[in-house]
Amino acid sequence: MKRVSSNSTITLQEVEDHYQSSRENYDIESAESHLAYYREKHPEYYALLLQNI
């Protein structure tokens, strides 16, 4: 996984909106879960989500 900057300027609301948008456009026929896909493709957003769970 890529390193994530601790000085992120992304708000939690932006991350949640981005995740939902990504989820709506995710192809469910893939064997990979959306969360695994999201972690791989958007590590900065994923890290912020993990910090706020």
Protein backbone atom coordinates (compact mmCIF):
# COMPACT_ATOMS: atom_id res chain seq x y z
CA MET A 1 0.00 0.00 0.00
CA LYS A 2 1.18 3.52 -0.73
CA ARG A 3 2.28 5.78 2.12
CA VAL A 4 -0.34 8.26 3.19
CA SER A 5 0.45 11.80 4.25
CA SER A 6 -0.59 12.61 7.80
CA ASN A 7 -1.32 16.20 6.73
CA SER A 8 -4.36 15.30 4.66
CA THR A 9 -6.66 18.14 3.66
CA ILE A 10 -9.50 15.81 2.75
CA THR A 11 -12.53 16.03 5.02
CA LEU A 12 -14.27 12.95 6.33
CA GLN A 13 -17.45 13.97 4.49
CA GLU A 14 -15.53 14.16 1.20
CA VAL A 15 -14.11 10.70 1.83
CA GLU A 16 -17.53 9.24 2.64
CA ASP A 17 -19.02 10.82 -0.49
CA HIS A 18 -16.11 9.56 -2.59
CA TYR A 19 -16.45 6.04 -1.18
CA GLN A 20 -20.18 5.95 -1.89
CA SER A 21 -19.65 7.24 -5.42
CA SER A 22 -16.95 4.65 -6.02
CA ARG A 23 -19.20 1.94 -4.64
CA GLU A 24 -22.04 2.88 -6.98
CA ASN A 25 -19.72 2.62 -9.98
CA TYR A 26 -17.98 -0.57 -8.82
CA ASP A 27 -18.48 -3.64 -10.99
CA ILE A 28 -19.90 -6.27 -8.62
CA GLU A 29 -19.07 -9.12 -11.01
CA SER A 30 -15.45 -8.88 -9.93
CA ALA A 31 -14.24 -11.38 -7.35
CA GLU A 32 -12.50 -8.57 -5.46
CA SER A 33 -14.54 -6.85 -2.78
CA HIS A 34 -15.18 -3.15 -3.15
CA LEU A 35 -13.32 -2.42 0.08
CA ALA A 36 -10.19 -4.23 -1.16
CA TYR A 37 -10.48 -2.38 -4.47
CA TYR A 38 -10.91 0.95 -2.67
CA ARG A 39 -7.90 0.30 -0.42
CA GLU A 40 -5.76 -0.40 -3.49
CA LYS A 41 -6.97 2.44 -5.71
CA HIS A 42 -7.53 5.20 -3.15
CA PRO A 43 -5.14 4.62 -0.22
CA GLU A 44 -5.34 8.17 1.17
CA TYR A 45 -9.13 8.08 1.34
CA TYR A 46 -9.08 4.54 2.73
CA ALA A 47 -6.63 5.51 5.49
CA LEU A 48 -8.83 8.41 6.53
CA LEU A 49 -11.86 6.12 6.67
CA LEU A 50 -9.94 3.69 8.89
CA GLN A 51 -8.98 6.47 11.28
CA ASN A 52 -12.62 7.42 11.73
CA ILE A 53 -14.27 4.06 12.20
